[in-house]
């Protein structure tokens, strides 16, 4: 499964990241920011995958503007 990381600017296209790449980087960082273009189903699958691996996973929406559509997803993956 491939998810889209949060954009670095408004006009940029989001970069993709695979589940395996996230798992490999968990020893370096535990907070990931994902773009609003990801489906809720894919994010729930991400959470379930890491919970099945024994991790605690927390997700929240982070608003970064006044519009309702100005948000990203912040996901913490803790061992």
N, C-alpha and C. Protein backbone atom coordinates (compact mmCIF):
# COMPACT_ATOMS: atom_id res chain seq x y z
N UNK A 1 0.84 -1.17 0.00
CA UNK A 1 0.00 0.00 0.00
C UNK A 1 0.89 1.24 0.00
N UNK A 2 0.50 2.22 -0.78
CA UNK A 2 1.26 3.47 -0.84
C UNK A 2 0.37 4.61 -0.38
N UNK A 3 0.90 5.43 0.52
CA UNK A 3 0.20 6.59 1.04
C UNK A 3 0.90 7.86 0.57
N UNK A 4 0.20 8.97 0.66
CA UNK A 4 0.77 10.26 0.23
C UNK A 4 1.20 11.06 1.45
N UNK A 5 2.47 11.47 1.47
CA UNK A 5 2.95 12.33 2.54
C UNK A 5 2.40 13.73 2.36
N UNK A 6 2.38 14.50 3.43
CA UNK A 6 1.86 15.86 3.37
C UNK A 6 2.68 16.71 2.41
N UNK A 7 2.00 17.62 1.73
CA UNK A 7 2.67 18.52 0.79
C UNK A 7 3.54 19.51 1.56
N UNK A 8 4.61 19.92 0.93
CA UNK A 8 5.49 20.92 1.55
C UNK A 8 5.11 22.33 1.15
N UNK A 9 4.30 22.48 0.11
CA UNK A 9 3.75 23.78 -0.28
C UNK A 9 2.38 23.55 -0.91
N UNK A 10 1.60 24.60 -1.04
CA UNK A 10 0.23 24.46 -1.53
C UNK A 10 0.15 23.92 -2.95
N UNK A 11 1.10 24.28 -3.80
CA UNK A 11 1.06 23.87 -5.20
C UNK A 11 1.83 22.59 -5.49
N UNK A 12 2.51 22.04 -4.50
CA UNK A 12 3.30 20.83 -4.70
C UNK A 12 2.40 19.60 -4.79
N UNK A 13 2.89 18.58 -5.44
CA UNK A 13 2.18 17.31 -5.44
C UNK A 13 2.72 16.45 -4.31
N UNK A 14 1.86 15.72 -3.62
CA UNK A 14 2.33 14.92 -2.50
C UNK A 14 3.21 13.75 -2.96
N UNK A 15 4.24 13.46 -2.19
CA UNK A 15 5.12 12.32 -2.47
C UNK A 15 4.54 11.06 -1.83
N UNK A 16 4.78 9.94 -2.48
CA UNK A 16 4.26 8.67 -1.98
C UNK A 16 5.27 7.97 -1.08
N UNK A 17 4.74 7.17 -0.15
CA UNK A 17 5.58 6.36 0.73
C UNK A 17 4.87 5.02 0.94
N UNK A 18 5.66 3.97 0.90
CA UNK A 18 5.12 2.62 1.10
C UNK A 18 5.12 2.27 2.58
N UNK A 19 4.29 1.32 2.96
CA UNK A 19 4.20 0.86 4.34
C UNK A 19 5.55 0.33 4.82
N UNK A 20 6.26 -0.36 3.93
CA UNK A 20 7.56 -0.92 4.29
C UNK A 20 8.58 0.19 4.60
N UNK A 21 8.51 1.30 3.86
CA UNK A 21 9.41 2.41 4.10
C UNK A 21 9.14 3.07 5.45
N UNK A 22 7.87 3.15 5.82
CA UNK A 22 7.52 3.71 7.13
C UNK A 22 8.08 2.81 8.22
N UNK A 23 7.91 1.50 8.05
CA UNK A 23 8.39 0.55 9.05
C UNK A 23 9.92 0.61 9.21
N UNK A 24 10.63 0.79 8.10
CA UNK A 24 12.09 0.88 8.15
C UNK A 24 12.56 2.15 8.87
N UNK A 25 11.78 3.23 8.78
CA UNK A 25 12.17 4.51 9.38
C UNK A 25 11.70 4.69 10.82
N UNK A 26 11.03 3.71 11.39
CA UNK A 26 10.49 3.88 12.74
C UNK A 26 11.57 4.04 13.80
N UNK A 27 12.76 3.52 13.58
CA UNK A 27 13.83 3.71 14.57
C UNK A 27 14.37 5.14 14.53
N UNK A 28 14.15 5.87 13.43
CA UNK A 28 14.64 7.24 13.29
C UNK A 28 13.58 8.27 13.68
N UNK A 29 12.31 8.01 13.33
CA UNK A 29 11.25 8.94 13.68
C UNK A 29 9.94 8.19 13.88
N UNK A 30 9.05 8.77 14.67
CA UNK A 30 7.79 8.10 14.97
C UNK A 30 6.57 8.94 14.61
N UNK A 31 6.77 10.14 14.10
CA UNK A 31 5.66 11.00 13.70
C UNK A 31 5.70 11.19 12.19
N UNK A 32 4.58 10.93 11.55
CA UNK A 32 4.47 11.07 10.10
C UNK A 32 3.28 11.96 9.77
N UNK A 33 3.42 12.78 8.74
CA UNK A 33 2.36 13.68 8.31
C UNK A 33 1.89 13.24 6.92
N UNK A 34 0.59 13.02 6.79
CA UNK A 34 0.02 12.53 5.55
C UNK A 34 -0.94 13.55 4.96
N UNK A 35 -1.04 13.54 3.64
CA UNK A 35 -1.86 14.48 2.91
C UNK A 35 -3.35 14.16 3.07
N UNK A 36 -4.18 15.19 2.91
CA UNK A 36 -5.63 15.00 3.01
C UNK A 36 -6.19 14.18 1.87
N UNK A 37 -5.41 13.98 0.80
CA UNK A 37 -5.87 13.19 -0.35
C UNK A 37 -5.89 11.69 -0.07
N UNK A 38 -5.31 11.24 1.04
CA UNK A 38 -5.36 9.83 1.40
C UNK A 38 -6.78 9.47 1.80
N UNK A 39 -7.19 8.28 1.44
CA UNK A 39 -8.53 7.85 1.85
C UNK A 39 -8.51 7.45 3.33
N UNK A 40 -9.63 7.65 3.97
CA UNK A 40 -9.74 7.29 5.39
C UNK A 40 -9.53 5.79 5.57
N UNK A 41 -9.97 5.02 4.61
CA UNK A 41 -9.81 3.56 4.66
C UNK A 41 -8.34 3.17 4.65
N UNK A 42 -7.52 3.82 3.82
CA UNK A 42 -6.09 3.53 3.77
C UNK A 42 -5.40 3.89 5.08
N UNK A 43 -5.81 5.01 5.68
CA UNK A 43 -5.22 5.40 6.96
C UNK A 43 -5.61 4.43 8.06
N UNK A 44 -6.85 3.94 8.04
CA UNK A 44 -7.27 2.94 9.02
C UNK A 44 -6.50 1.63 8.82
N UNK A 45 -6.23 1.26 7.57
CA UNK A 45 -5.43 0.07 7.30
C UNK A 45 -4.01 0.23 7.82
N UNK A 46 -3.45 1.43 7.70
CA UNK A 46 -2.12 1.72 8.25
C UNK A 46 -2.12 1.54 9.76
N UNK A 47 -3.12 2.08 10.40
CA UNK A 47 -3.23 1.96 11.86
C UNK A 47 -3.35 0.50 12.28
N UNK A 48 -4.22 -0.24 11.62
CA UNK A 48 -4.41 -1.66 11.95
C UNK A 48 -3.14 -2.46 11.72
N UNK A 49 -2.42 -2.16 10.65
CA UNK A 49 -1.19 -2.89 10.33
C UNK A 49 -0.18 -2.73 11.48
N UNK A 50 0.04 -1.50 11.93
CA UNK A 50 1.04 -1.29 12.98
C UNK A 50 0.55 -1.74 14.35
N UNK A 51 -0.75 -1.68 14.61
CA UNK A 51 -1.27 -2.22 15.87
C UNK A 51 -1.11 -3.73 15.90
N UNK A 52 -1.27 -4.39 14.77
CA UNK A 52 -1.04 -5.84 14.70
C UNK A 52 0.43 -6.19 14.93
N UNK A 53 1.33 -5.25 14.63
CA UNK A 53 2.76 -5.45 14.85
C UNK A 53 3.16 -5.15 16.30
N UNK A 54 2.23 -4.69 17.13
CA UNK A 54 2.50 -4.42 18.54
C UNK A 54 2.77 -2.96 18.85
N UNK A 55 2.54 -2.06 17.91
CA UNK A 55 2.75 -0.63 18.13
C UNK A 55 1.45 0.02 18.60
N UNK A 56 1.58 1.15 19.29
CA UNK A 56 0.43 2.01 19.59
C UNK A 56 0.42 3.11 18.55
N UNK A 57 -0.74 3.37 17.96
CA UNK A 57 -0.84 4.33 16.87
C UNK A 57 -1.90 5.36 17.21
N UNK A 58 -1.55 6.64 17.06
CA UNK A 58 -2.46 7.74 17.32
C UNK A 58 -2.57 8.61 16.08
N UNK A 59 -3.81 8.95 15.69
CA UNK A 59 -4.01 9.77 14.51
C UNK A 59 -4.88 10.96 14.87
N UNK A 60 -4.54 12.12 14.28
CA UNK A 60 -5.39 13.29 14.44
C UNK A 60 -5.29 14.16 13.20
N UNK A 61 -6.31 14.99 13.00
CA UNK A 61 -6.29 15.96 11.92
C UNK A 61 -5.68 17.25 12.44
N UNK A 62 -4.78 17.83 11.65
CA UNK A 62 -4.15 19.10 12.02
C UNK A 62 -4.61 20.15 11.02
N UNK A 63 -5.31 21.17 11.51
CA UNK A 63 -5.77 22.28 10.66
C UNK A 63 -4.62 23.26 10.48
N UNK A 64 -4.40 23.72 9.26
CA UNK A 64 -3.33 24.68 9.02
C UNK A 64 -3.82 25.91 8.27
N UNK A 65 -5.10 26.12 8.28
CA UNK A 65 -5.69 27.29 7.62
C UNK A 65 -7.11 27.49 8.09
N UNK A 66 -7.76 28.52 7.57
CA UNK A 66 -9.13 28.83 8.00
C UNK A 66 -10.17 28.02 7.25
N UNK A 67 -9.86 27.51 6.09
CA UNK A 67 -10.81 26.70 5.33
C UNK A 67 -10.93 25.31 5.93
N UNK A 68 -12.11 24.73 5.78
CA UNK A 68 -12.33 23.36 6.26
C UNK A 68 -11.44 22.35 5.56
N UNK A 69 -11.01 22.66 4.35
CA UNK A 69 -10.20 21.71 3.58
C UNK A 69 -8.71 21.88 3.81
N UNK A 70 -8.32 22.75 4.72
CA UNK A 70 -6.90 22.97 5.02
C UNK A 70 -6.49 22.13 6.23
N UNK A 71 -6.18 20.87 5.99
CA UNK A 71 -5.76 19.99 7.07
C UNK A 71 -4.84 18.91 6.53
N UNK A 72 -4.10 18.30 7.44
CA UNK A 72 -3.28 17.12 7.16
C UNK A 72 -3.52 16.13 8.28
N UNK A 73 -3.07 14.92 8.09
CA UNK A 73 -3.18 13.90 9.13
C UNK A 73 -1.82 13.73 9.80
N UNK A 74 -1.83 13.71 11.12
CA UNK A 74 -0.62 13.47 11.90
C UNK A 74 -0.77 12.10 12.55
N UNK A 75 0.19 11.23 12.31
CA UNK A 75 0.12 9.88 12.88
C UNK A 75 1.39 9.60 13.69
N UNK A 76 1.18 9.24 14.97
CA UNK A 76 2.26 8.86 15.86
C UNK A 76 2.27 7.33 15.96
N UNK A 77 3.42 6.74 15.75
CA UNK A 77 3.57 5.29 15.87
C UNK A 77 4.60 5.04 16.98
N UNK A 78 4.12 4.51 18.09
CA UNK A 78 4.95 4.36 19.30
C UNK A 78 5.07 2.89 19.65
N UNK A 79 6.28 2.48 19.99
CA UNK A 79 6.53 1.10 20.36
C UNK A 79 6.27 0.88 21.83
